Amino acid sequence: MKLRYWGVCILVLMVFVLSALAFPAASGQAQGGILPTPTPFPVDNLEYDVTTVGGSPETLTYDHPDQDGFVLGQTTVTSEYPRGMVFTLAPTSPNGEITEITLFLRYVHGSGTRVQAEWDEAAGQWIAHPWATGEGQPAWTHFDFTWRVRDETGAAVDTEPIAADYSDPTREWFRMESPEIIVYWTGFSTSNPDWFGSTAAEAVAATTPRKIAGFGEPISYKSIAVIYGSREMMNEMYGSGISDETAGGFTSSDLGISVQYAPYASDDASNIEWLSHVITHELTHLYQYDLMGGNQGPNWWVEGSADWFAIRPYQYDARLMNLATMQDIPSLTEQVTRNMVQADGRPYLVYDMGASFINWLNMNYGGIDTIRQIIAQMQAGVDVYEAIEQATGKLFIDLQNEWRIYLGYEPLDLADIDPAAALQPAVDPLFEVGDTVTLPPSPPLPGIYENPGPDELYTGQCFANTAVEILQVGSLDGVDYYQVDCMGQIGWMTRDQLVGE
């Protein structure tokens, strides 16, 4: 799936200050009140290779063996990035005319696309042109391609899979390959590409043992990171006239690739180190997609663990401790905001809360073995909250409150975590669980709440005169609330909403 995580975290990483790296203790709180963050593993005998690729048109040729009398001949492949790739084939069949040829492209997780080839009379070849309008396909996408050739009798053969890359002939790129990753970049670190190449290779190598310890095994393929030197370069892939001024990139498990742009195309040390952090952050997302499937957890876990497994943990505890002097933070059981600016003038609270809580668990409840147990439970389909409770033997509300107190916040009560669980018996119950109630004729679009309570915002709407089913009943501060099923929408309504004022 294409999940666009990096686009929203690229700016906040630039404003963070690198924290000092300290070796983690087994448990407990560090001197000075801030817990240490994990230290990268030492890297001996670093293996990597930096080469120059792209920058000029190139046509690749591949010979196919004959099959069942079909003479398949030769495929030519020419990249016209950012407007796709041109594949040609001119096979013959002993049975008669070739009537249909299909090009199949397959990515690392088995997904892909197909393109019907068209006969070009002037060229005397069948031509397939995937991504002809750009279609958001990034440079250096890796794939396997096959042809299916069918003749007028219905007989068909498939060619063998051949590996290829969607190269960029329009500009020169640098390519670094290490045992764990392939990184392409253009528009920066041109005078000394080995500096960025070696820094990126070392960052990935130094964080891979901890990823394997946490996820239980390595990622199943060699991932790719593509870094453009500007947003304008990156936006070329989206088609003529397209310019997304907000996108910072994306990470795709189907493609096995992370794509972003470097806002500051400079060779200073902080930029090189920051980009290495980006690569290891995004690589964690690919681990999540590859090894956890659809149960990756809420956003604070997804982004928090990506930052926690990355090469340069930032001062998330320091930021949260500072925020505690200005504002409260939401419960981790709620939707933690991503873009909203907080009282300290900075957004992206979800990253800091997630990384801080995961690091706090690591330091106080068993280290990486506990993180591994949580992820293993999630891999088995357990939600993150139950997984954390099983791994630690404590209720999530108690764990969260310990962490909040460590940061300087007041503990939460049950109503803060789960308002429905804090409900008392109804004061004047008019309906019971299982009853069906027809809503009054006014208002025409009555709202429903996600949780019971006077300060909740509407999260959905029903229609007047609609029959709803009562699912739960309870009272909060003297007001009766009813959880209803309104045409598939589950939410809460007050007594007055059900009967009319």
Protein backbone atom coordinates (compact mmCIF):
# COMPACT_ATOMS: atom_id res chain seq x y z
CA MET A 1 0.00 0.00 0.00
CA LYS A 2 1.09 3.57 -0.50
CA LEU A 3 1.07 5.24 2.83
CA ARG A 4 2.48 8.82 2.84
CA TYR A 5 4.18 9.07 6.17
CA TRP A 6 7.36 11.03 5.30
CA GLY A 7 5.52 13.91 3.73
CA VAL A 8 4.27 14.99 7.14
CA CYS A 9 7.44 14.40 9.14
CA ILE A 10 10.05 15.88 6.86
CA LEU A 11 9.81 19.43 8.17
CA VAL A 12 9.73 18.66 11.86
CA LEU A 13 12.91 16.62 11.71
CA MET A 14 14.79 19.69 10.51
CA VAL A 15 13.94 21.71 13.56
CA PHE A 16 14.88 19.08 16.10
CA VAL A 17 18.28 19.21 17.75
CA LEU A 18 20.27 16.00 17.76
CA SER A 19 20.31 14.42 21.19
CA ALA A 20 23.41 13.01 22.79
CA LEU A 21 23.69 9.27 22.28
CA ALA A 22 23.99 7.27 25.48
CA PHE A 23 24.10 3.54 26.10
CA PRO A 24 20.72 2.42 27.46
CA ALA A 25 20.50 1.04 30.97
CA ALA A 26 18.44 -2.06 31.73
CA SER A 27 15.72 -0.08 33.48
CA GLY A 28 15.07 2.98 35.56
CA GLN A 29 15.42 6.71 35.02
CA ALA A 30 18.62 8.39 33.90
CA GLN A 31 20.43 11.01 35.91
CA GLY A 32 18.96 14.46 35.31
CA GLY A 33 15.47 13.01 34.84
CA ILE A 34 15.65 12.11 31.13
CA LEU A 35 15.95 8.49 30.02
CA PRO A 36 18.77 7.63 27.61
CA THR A 37 17.92 6.60 24.05
CA PRO A 38 19.25 3.49 22.28
CA THR A 39 22.78 3.60 20.95
CA PRO A 40 23.56 2.46 17.39
CA PHE A 41 25.41 -0.82 17.12
CA PRO A 42 29.12 -0.59 16.24
CA VAL A 43 29.83 -1.20 12.57
CA ASP A 44 32.99 -3.06 11.60
CA ASN A 45 34.16 -3.60 8.03
CA LEU A 46 31.45 -1.44 6.50
CA GLU A 47 30.44 -2.76 3.09
CA TYR A 48 29.07 -0.37 0.47
CA ASP A 49 29.65 0.71 -3.10
CA VAL A 50 28.97 4.13 -4.64
CA THR A 51 28.50 4.46 -8.40
CA THR A 52 27.08 6.98 -10.89
CA VAL A 53 23.93 6.06 -12.82
CA GLY A 54 21.43 7.72 -15.13
CA GLY A 55 21.96 10.94 -17.03
CA SER A 56 21.83 9.61 -20.58
CA PRO A 57 19.35 7.72 -22.79
CA GLU A 58 19.92 3.98 -22.88
CA THR A 59 18.14 1.09 -24.55
CA LEU A 60 18.52 -2.30 -22.90
CA THR A 61 18.00 -5.55 -24.79
CA TYR A 62 16.97 -8.99 -23.49
CA ASP A 63 16.90 -12.21 -25.53
CA HIS A 64 14.11 -14.74 -24.94
CA PRO A 65 14.36 -18.46 -25.70
CA ASP A 66 11.81 -19.97 -28.08
CA GLN A 67 8.81 -21.69 -26.49
CA ASP A 68 6.38 -24.21 -28.01
CA GLY A 69 7.23 -23.05 -31.50
CA PHE A 70 6.84 -19.36 -30.62
CA VAL A 71 9.89 -17.35 -31.65
CA LEU A 72 9.95 -14.64 -29.00
CA GLY A 73 13.06 -12.83 -30.11
CA GLN A 74 14.30 -9.81 -28.21
CA THR A 75 12.80 -7.24 -25.85
CA THR A 76 14.07 -3.67 -25.90
CA VAL A 77 13.49 -1.40 -22.90
CA THR A 78 13.97 2.37 -23.02
CA SER A 79 13.26 4.63 -20.07
CA GLU A 80 11.56 7.91 -20.91
CA TYR A 81 11.37 8.99 -17.27
CA PRO A 82 9.41 10.84 -16.02
CA ARG A 83 6.98 9.69 -18.71
CA GLY A 84 7.29 5.96 -18.39
CA MET A 85 9.19 3.18 -20.13
CA VAL A 86 8.85 1.83 -23.66
CA PHE A 87 8.98 -1.97 -24.10
CA THR A 88 9.05 -3.57 -27.56
CA LEU A 89 8.68 -7.17 -28.75
CA ALA A 90 8.24 -8.74 -32.21
CA PRO A 91 7.41 -12.45 -31.71
CA THR A 92 6.00 -14.96 -34.20
CA SER A 93 3.86 -18.07 -33.75
CA PRO A 94 3.80 -21.30 -35.79
CA ASN A 95 0.00 -21.27 -35.53
CA GLY A 96 -0.64 -17.96 -37.26
CA GLU A 97 -1.01 -14.30 -36.43
CA ILE A 98 -0.13 -12.84 -33.02
CA THR A 99 -3.33 -11.22 -31.72
CA GLU A 100 -2.56 -10.10 -28.18
CA ILE A 101 0.52 -9.27 -26.10
CA THR A 102 0.40 -8.20 -22.45
CA LEU A 103 3.28 -6.80 -20.41
CA PHE A 104 3.24 -7.67 -16.69
CA LEU A 105 5.27 -5.77 -14.09
CA ARG A 106 5.69 -7.26 -10.60
CA TYR A 107 7.03 -5.49 -7.48
CA VAL A 108 8.60 -6.91 -4.34
CA HIS A 109 5.35 -7.96 -2.62
CA GLY A 110 3.78 -9.54 -5.67
CA SER A 111 1.58 -6.60 -6.61
CA GLY A 112 2.07 -4.93 -9.95
CA THR A 113 0.43 -3.71 -13.10
CA ARG A 114 -0.28 -4.87 -16.62
CA VAL A 115 -0.19 -3.00 -19.92
CA GLN A 116 -1.68 -4.14 -23.22
CA ALA A 117 0.86 -3.80 -25.99
CA GLU A 118 -0.18 -2.22 -29.26
CA TRP A 119 1.03 -3.13 -32.73
CA ASP A 120 3.11 -0.39 -34.36
CA GLU A 121 3.00 -0.94 -38.10
CA ALA A 122 5.83 1.47 -38.90
CA ALA A 123 8.17 -0.06 -36.35
CA GLY A 124 7.05 -3.63 -37.05
CA GLN A 125 6.86 -4.28 -33.29
CA TRP A 126 4.46 -4.55 -30.40
CA ILE A 127 4.91 -1.65 -27.99
CA ALA A 128 3.90 -1.32 -24.32
CA HIS A 129 4.33 1.98 -22.49
CA PRO A 130 3.62 1.86 -18.74
CA TRP A 131 3.45 5.13 -16.74
CA ALA A 132 3.19 7.17 -19.94
CA THR A 133 1.73 10.18 -18.12
CA GLY A 134 3.98 9.92 -15.07
CA GLU A 135 1.37 8.46 -12.72
CA GLY A 136 3.50 9.21 -9.65
CA GLN A 137 5.93 6.41 -10.43
CA PRO A 138 9.33 7.24 -8.89
CA ALA A 139 12.65 6.88 -10.62
CA TRP A 140 14.60 3.73 -9.80
CA THR A 141 11.55 1.60 -9.10
CA HIS A 142 12.73 -2.00 -9.26
CA PHE A 143 10.50 -4.67 -10.83
CA ASP A 144 10.42 -7.93 -12.76
CA PHE A 145 8.71 -7.97 -16.15
CA THR A 146 7.21 -10.75 -18.25
CA TRP A 147 5.33 -10.90 -21.55
CA ARG A 148 2.29 -13.02 -22.35
CA VAL A 149 2.05 -13.68 -26.08
CA ARG A 150 -1.19 -15.07 -27.58
CA ASP A 151 -1.89 -16.06 -31.19
CA GLU A 152 -5.09 -16.34 -33.23
CA THR A 153 -5.69 -19.94 -32.13
CA GLY A 154 -5.68 -18.93 -28.45
CA ALA A 155 -2.32 -20.56 -27.75
CA ALA A 156 -0.18 -18.49 -25.38
CA VAL A 157 3.26 -18.50 -23.77
CA ASP A 158 4.82 -16.44 -20.98
CA THR A 159 8.40 -15.25 -21.01
CA GLU A 160 10.71 -15.72 -18.04
CA PRO A 161 10.82 -12.90 -15.43
CA ILE A 162 13.54 -10.32 -16.03
CA ALA A 163 14.64 -7.76 -13.44
CA ALA A 164 14.81 -4.10 -14.47
CA ASP A 165 14.93 -0.57 -13.01
CA TYR A 166 13.03 2.56 -14.02
CA SER A 167 16.15 4.63 -14.71
CA ASP A 168 16.28 8.41 -15.12
CA PRO A 169 18.04 9.48 -18.33
CA THR A 170 17.44 13.18 -17.66
CA ARG A 171 19.99 13.67 -14.86
CA GLU A 172 22.94 12.01 -13.18
CA TRP A 173 22.31 10.13 -9.93
CA PHE A 174 24.53 8.52 -7.35
CA ARG A 175 23.78 4.99 -6.23
CA MET A 176 24.95 3.42 -2.97
CA GLU A 177 24.42 -0.27 -2.35
CA SER A 178 25.14 -2.02 0.92
CA PRO A 179 24.05 -5.46 2.14
CA GLU A 180 20.89 -3.90 3.64
CA ILE A 181 19.75 -1.15 1.24
CA ILE A 182 20.14 0.67 -2.07
CA VAL A 183 20.09 4.48 -1.96
CA TYR A 184 19.78 6.78 -4.98
CA TRP A 185 20.22 10.54 -4.74
CA THR A 186 20.56 13.51 -7.05
CA GLY A 187 20.95 17.27 -6.67
CA PHE A 188 23.08 17.22 -3.50
CA SER A 189 26.27 15.65 -2.13
CA THR A 190 27.76 15.80 -5.61
CA SER A 191 31.27 17.00 -4.77
CA ASN A 192 31.87 14.17 -2.29
CA PRO A 193 29.22 11.50 -2.87
CA ASP A 194 31.16 8.94 -0.87
CA TRP A 195 30.54 10.99 2.28
CA PHE A 196 26.77 10.67 2.05
CA GLY A 197 27.01 7.12 0.72
CA SER A 198 29.16 5.91 3.61
CA THR A 199 27.12 7.82 6.21
CA ALA A 200 23.87 6.30 4.93
CA ALA A 201 25.36 2.81 4.74
CA GLU A 202 26.71 3.04 8.28
CA ALA A 203 23.40 4.38 9.64
CA VAL A 204 21.46 1.47 8.18
CA ALA A 205 24.04 -1.10 9.28
CA ALA A 206 24.13 0.35 12.82
CA THR A 207 20.34 0.16 13.24
CA THR A 208 19.61 -3.14 11.49
CA PRO A 209 20.48 -5.41 14.49
CA ARG A 210 18.00 -3.54 16.68
CA LYS A 211 15.29 -3.70 14.01
CA ILE A 212 15.82 -7.45 13.67
CA ALA A 213 15.71 -7.85 17.46
CA GLY A 214 12.48 -5.85 17.67
CA PHE A 215 10.68 -7.29 14.63
CA GLY A 216 12.01 -10.81 15.05
CA GLU A 217 13.54 -11.15 11.60
CA PRO A 218 15.02 -9.02 8.83
CA ILE A 219 12.95 -7.45 6.10
CA SER A 220 12.29 -9.95 3.28
CA TYR A 221 13.87 -7.90 0.48
CA LYS A 222 16.51 -5.24 -0.09
CA SER A 223 14.72 -1.91 0.14
CA ILE A 224 15.40 1.20 -1.93
CA ALA A 225 15.57 4.85 -0.85
CA VAL A 226 15.25 7.57 -3.50
CA ILE A 227 16.11 11.16 -2.54
CA TYR A 228 15.49 14.02 -4.95
CA GLY A 229 17.41 17.26 -4.58
CA SER A 230 14.24 19.39 -4.63
CA ARG A 231 10.48 19.17 -4.50
CA GLU A 232 10.35 20.27 -8.15
CA MET A 233 12.47 17.29 -9.18
CA MET A 234 10.27 14.91 -7.21
CA ASN A 235 7.04 16.36 -8.61
CA GLU A 236 8.10 15.58 -12.17
CA MET A 237 6.83 12.03 -11.68
CA TYR A 238 3.22 13.22 -11.22
CA GLY A 239 2.56 14.43 -14.74
CA SER A 240 2.39 17.65 -16.70
CA GLY A 241 1.28 20.65 -14.70
CA ILE A 242 1.17 18.77 -11.39
CA SER A 243 2.92 20.43 -8.48
CA ASP A 244 2.07 19.24 -5.00
CA GLU A 245 3.37 21.96 -2.70
CA THR A 246 2.75 19.92 0.45
CA ALA A 247 4.00 16.43 -0.39
CA GLY A 248 7.38 15.57 1.08
CA GLY A 249 7.41 12.07 -0.35
CA PHE A 250 5.99 8.66 0.43
CA THR A 251 6.91 5.14 1.44
CA SER A 252 5.42 2.20 -0.47
CA SER A 253 5.55 -1.40 0.70
CA ASP A 254 4.38 -2.60 -2.72
CA LEU A 255 7.37 -0.98 -4.40
CA GLY A 256 9.73 -1.61 -1.48
CA ILE A 257 10.81 1.98 -1.77
CA SER A 258 10.86 5.26 0.16
CA VAL A 259 10.82 8.52 -1.77
CA GLN A 260 11.45 12.02 -0.48
CA TYR A 261 13.15 15.24 -1.40
CA ALA A 262 15.99 17.05 0.37
CA PRO A 263 14.81 20.60 1.15
CA TYR A 264 18.39 21.71 1.78
CA ALA A 265 20.62 20.42 -0.98
CA SER A 266 23.81 21.01 0.98
CA ASP A 267 26.78 18.94 2.07
CA ASP A 268 27.06 20.17 5.63
CA ALA A 269 27.31 17.51 8.33
CA SER A 270 23.91 18.19 9.90
CA ASN A 271 22.11 17.73 6.56
CA ILE A 272 23.97 14.51 5.78
CA GLU A 273 23.23 13.10 9.26
CA TRP A 274 19.59 14.20 9.04
CA LEU A 275 19.09 12.46 5.68
CA SER A 276 20.63 9.31 7.16
CA HIS A 277 18.05 9.53 9.93
CA VAL A 278 15.32 9.89 7.29
CA ILE A 279 16.49 6.73 5.52
CA THR A 280 16.50 4.64 8.71
CA HIS A 281 13.11 6.08 9.79
CA GLU A 282 11.51 5.19 6.46
CA LEU A 283 13.20 1.79 6.42
CA THR A 284 11.39 1.06 9.72
CA HIS A 285 8.09 1.71 7.96
CA LEU A 286 9.03 -0.86 5.33
CA TYR A 287 9.77 -3.34 8.13
CA GLN A 288 6.33 -2.56 9.58
CA TYR A 289 4.54 -3.15 6.29
CA ASP A 290 6.56 -6.26 5.44
CA LEU A 291 6.48 -8.00 8.83
CA MET A 292 3.29 -6.67 10.47
CA GLY A 293 0.89 -6.47 7.55
CA GLY A 294 -2.31 -4.58 8.25
CA ASN A 295 -1.99 -4.50 12.04
CA GLN A 296 0.59 -1.75 12.42
CA GLY A 297 -1.23 0.05 15.21
CA PRO A 298 -2.26 3.67 15.77
CA ASN A 299 -0.23 6.49 14.31
CA TRP A 300 1.69 7.21 17.52
CA TRP A 301 3.01 3.64 17.44
CA VAL A 302 3.72 3.67 13.69
CA GLU A 303 5.61 6.96 13.67
CA GLY A 304 7.00 6.65 17.19
CA SER A 305 8.62 3.30 16.55
CA ALA A 306 9.95 4.52 13.18
CA ASP A 307 11.76 7.33 15.01
CA TRP A 308 12.80 5.06 17.89
CA PHE A 309 14.39 2.48 15.55
CA ALA A 310 16.14 5.21 13.51
CA ILE A 311 19.78 6.25 13.80
CA ARG A 312 19.53 9.56 15.64
CA PRO A 313 16.83 9.70 18.33
CA TYR A 314 15.82 13.29 18.97
CA GLN A 315 14.99 15.04 22.23
CA TYR A 316 11.39 13.89 22.43
CA ASP A 317 11.38 13.62 26.23
CA ALA A 318 12.83 17.12 26.58
CA ARG A 319 10.16 18.53 24.30
CA LEU A 320 7.33 16.77 26.14
CA MET A 321 8.68 17.85 29.53
CA ASN A 322 8.77 21.42 28.28
CA LEU A 323 5.20 21.13 26.94
CA ALA A 324 4.07 19.93 30.38
CA THR A 325 4.70 23.47 31.66
CA MET A 326 2.32 24.89 29.01
CA GLN A 327 -0.38 22.36 28.14
CA ASP A 328 -1.65 18.81 28.55
CA ILE A 329 -1.19 16.11 25.92
CA PRO A 330 -3.91 13.73 24.73
CA SER A 331 -4.19 10.13 25.84
CA LEU A 332 -2.45 7.58 23.64
CA THR A 333 -5.84 5.92 23.32
CA GLU A 334 -7.08 8.93 21.35
CA GLN A 335 -6.18 10.19 17.90
CA VAL A 336 -2.94 12.09 18.53
CA THR A 337 -2.66 15.15 16.30
CA ARG A 338 -0.08 15.27 13.55
CA ASN A 339 -0.18 18.74 12.04
CA MET A 340 -1.62 20.96 14.77
CA VAL A 341 0.88 23.42 16.25
CA GLN A 342 1.30 22.95 19.99
CA ALA A 343 1.95 25.53 22.72
CA ASP A 344 5.70 25.47 21.99
CA GLY A 345 5.07 26.57 18.41
CA ARG A 346 5.84 23.19 16.85
CA PRO A 347 3.56 20.53 15.31
CA TYR A 348 3.99 16.75 14.94
CA LEU A 349 3.23 15.79 18.52
CA VAL A 350 2.46 12.22 17.45
CA TYR A 351 6.13 11.45 16.69
CA ASP A 352 7.42 12.63 20.05
CA MET A 353 4.70 11.00 22.12
CA GLY A 354 5.13 7.66 20.35
CA ALA A 355 8.92 7.58 20.49
CA SER A 356 8.95 8.73 24.12
CA PHE A 357 6.46 6.10 25.29
CA ILE A 358 8.20 3.28 23.40
CA ASN A 359 11.58 4.31 24.81
CA TRP A 360 10.06 4.56 28.30
CA LEU A 361 8.71 0.99 27.95
CA ASN A 362 12.10 -0.17 26.70
CA MET A 363 13.90 1.36 29.66
CA ASN A 364 11.47 0.37 32.41
CA TYR A 365 9.83 -2.87 31.30
CA GLY A 366 12.35 -5.33 29.96
CA GLY A 367 14.19 -3.67 27.09
CA ILE A 368 14.10 -4.85 23.49
CA ASP A 369 12.64 -8.22 24.52
CA THR A 370 9.46 -6.42 25.61
CA ILE A 371 9.32 -4.46 22.35
CA ARG A 372 9.70 -7.76 20.51
CA GLN A 373 6.86 -9.33 22.52
CA ILE A 374 4.57 -6.41 21.71
CA ILE A 375 5.33 -6.61 17.99
CA ALA A 376 4.93 -10.40 18.01
CA GLN A 377 1.47 -10.04 19.54
CA MET A 378 0.56 -7.42 16.95
CA GLN A 379 1.82 -9.72 14.19
CA ALA A 380 -0.66 -12.28 15.54
CA GLY A 381 -3.50 -9.76 15.20
CA VAL A 382 -3.66 -8.40 18.77
CA ASP A 383 -4.20 -4.63 19.04
CA VAL A 384 -1.31 -2.59 20.41
CA TYR A 385 -2.94 -1.83 23.77
CA GLU A 386 -3.66 -5.46 24.61
CA ALA A 387 -0.23 -6.43 23.27
CA ILE A 388 1.45 -3.94 25.62
CA GLU A 389 -0.59 -5.21 28.57
CA GLN A 390 0.33 -8.83 27.79
CA ALA A 391 4.02 -7.99 27.43
CA THR A 392 4.23 -5.96 30.65
CA GLY A 393 1.56 -7.58 32.83
CA LYS A 394 0.04 -4.16 33.62
CA LEU A 395 -3.05 -2.28 32.50
CA PHE A 396 -2.39 0.26 29.77
CA ILE A 397 -3.95 3.08 31.78
CA ASP A 398 -1.49 2.43 34.61
CA LEU A 399 1.48 2.30 32.24
CA GLN A 400 0.43 5.49 30.51
CA ASN A 401 0.01 7.26 33.83
CA GLU A 402 3.49 6.19 35.00
CA TRP A 403 4.91 7.59 31.76
CA ARG A 404 2.90 10.82 32.08
CA ILE A 405 4.13 11.35 35.64
CA TYR A 406 7.72 10.79 34.47
CA LEU A 407 7.20 13.61 31.93
CA GLY A 408 5.53 15.94 34.43
CA TYR A 409 1.83 15.50 33.52
CA GLU A 410 -1.10 14.70 35.76
CA PRO A 411 -2.34 11.09 35.55
CA LEU A 412 -5.54 10.37 33.64
CA ASP A 413 -8.62 8.76 35.16
CA LEU A 414 -10.78 6.11 33.55
CA ALA A 415 -13.19 8.65 32.08
CA ASP A 416 -10.28 10.32 30.26
CA ILE A 417 -9.25 7.01 28.71
CA ASP A 418 -12.62 5.41 28.01
CA PRO A 419 -15.66 7.61 28.76
CA ALA A 420 -18.02 4.71 28.06
CA ALA A 421 -16.35 2.57 30.73
CA ALA A 422 -16.93 5.31 33.31
CA LEU A 423 -20.68 5.49 32.72
CA GLN A 424 -23.03 4.97 35.67
CA PRO A 425 -26.45 3.31 35.45
CA ALA A 426 -28.94 5.46 33.55
CA VAL A 427 -30.83 8.02 35.67
CA ASP A 428 -34.14 7.75 33.81
CA PRO A 429 -33.75 4.96 31.24
CA LEU A 430 -36.41 5.13 28.54
CA PHE A 431 -34.87 2.40 26.39
CA GLU A 432 -32.92 -0.81 26.92
CA VAL A 433 -30.12 -2.51 25.02
CA GLY A 434 -31.62 -4.14 21.95
CA ASP A 435 -34.53 -1.71 21.57
CA THR A 436 -35.20 -0.06 18.21
CA VAL A 437 -36.06 3.64 18.36
CA THR A 438 -37.25 5.91 15.55
CA LEU A 439 -35.59 9.32 15.69
CA PRO A 440 -37.84 12.40 15.89
CA PRO A 441 -38.58 14.47 12.74
CA SER A 442 -36.33 17.32 13.88
CA PRO A 443 -33.50 18.11 13.50
CA PRO A 444 -33.18 16.70 9.97
CA LEU A 445 -29.58 15.54 10.51
CA PRO A 446 -29.05 14.65 14.17
CA GLY A 447 -25.40 14.20 15.10
CA ILE A 448 -23.78 11.26 16.89
CA TYR A 449 -20.73 11.41 19.18
CA GLU A 450 -17.73 9.12 19.21
CA ASN A 451 -17.88 9.05 23.04
CA PRO A 452 -20.47 10.06 25.63
CA GLY A 453 -19.89 13.44 27.22
CA PRO A 454 -20.90 17.11 27.06
CA ASP A 455 -17.72 18.29 25.36
CA GLU A 456 -17.58 15.71 22.59
CA LEU A 457 -17.77 16.76 18.94
CA TYR A 458 -20.08 15.16 16.40
CA THR A 459 -18.31 12.45 14.38
CA GLY A 460 -21.26 11.48 12.19
CA GLN A 461 -24.87 12.21 11.31
CA CYS A 462 -28.11 10.25 11.07
CA PHE A 463 -31.34 11.20 9.32
CA ALA A 464 -34.55 12.24 11.00
CA ASN A 465 -37.22 9.53 11.27
CA THR A 466 -34.53 6.82 11.00
CA ALA A 467 -34.74 3.66 13.11
CA VAL A 468 -31.67 3.16 15.32
CA GLU A 469 -30.72 0.21 17.54
CA ILE A 470 -29.71 0.76 21.18
CA LEU A 471 -26.34 -0.87 21.92
CA GLN A 472 -25.38 0.57 25.34
CA VAL A 473 -27.03 2.72 28.00
CA GLY A 474 -25.46 4.78 30.79
CA SER A 475 -25.28 8.09 32.62
CA LEU A 476 -22.51 10.68 32.96
CA ASP A 477 -22.89 13.69 35.25
CA GLY A 478 -26.64 13.13 35.45
CA VAL A 479 -27.20 12.93 31.68
CA ASP A 480 -28.32 9.66 30.06
CA TYR A 481 -26.40 8.58 26.95
CA TYR A 482 -27.31 5.85 24.47
CA GLN A 483 -24.91 4.16 22.07
CA VAL A 484 -26.77 3.54 18.83
CA ASP A 485 -26.33 1.86 15.48
CA CYS A 486 -27.62 4.30 12.88
CA MET A 487 -27.41 2.75 9.42
CA GLY A 488 -24.03 1.22 10.29
CA GLN A 489 -22.67 4.24 12.11
CA ILE A 490 -21.88 3.50 15.75
CA GLY A 491 -21.95 6.43 18.14
CA TRP A 492 -23.58 8.07 21.14
CA MET A 493 -26.71 10.19 21.45
CA THR A 494 -28.39 11.85 24.43
CA ARG A 495 -31.85 11.02 25.69
CA ASP A 496 -33.17 14.31 24.27
CA GLN A 497 -31.83 13.47 20.80
CA LEU A 498 -33.74 10.18 20.83
CA VAL A 499 -37.09 11.55 21.99
CA GLY A 500 -36.95 15.19 20.94
CA GLU A 501 -36.75 18.22 23.16
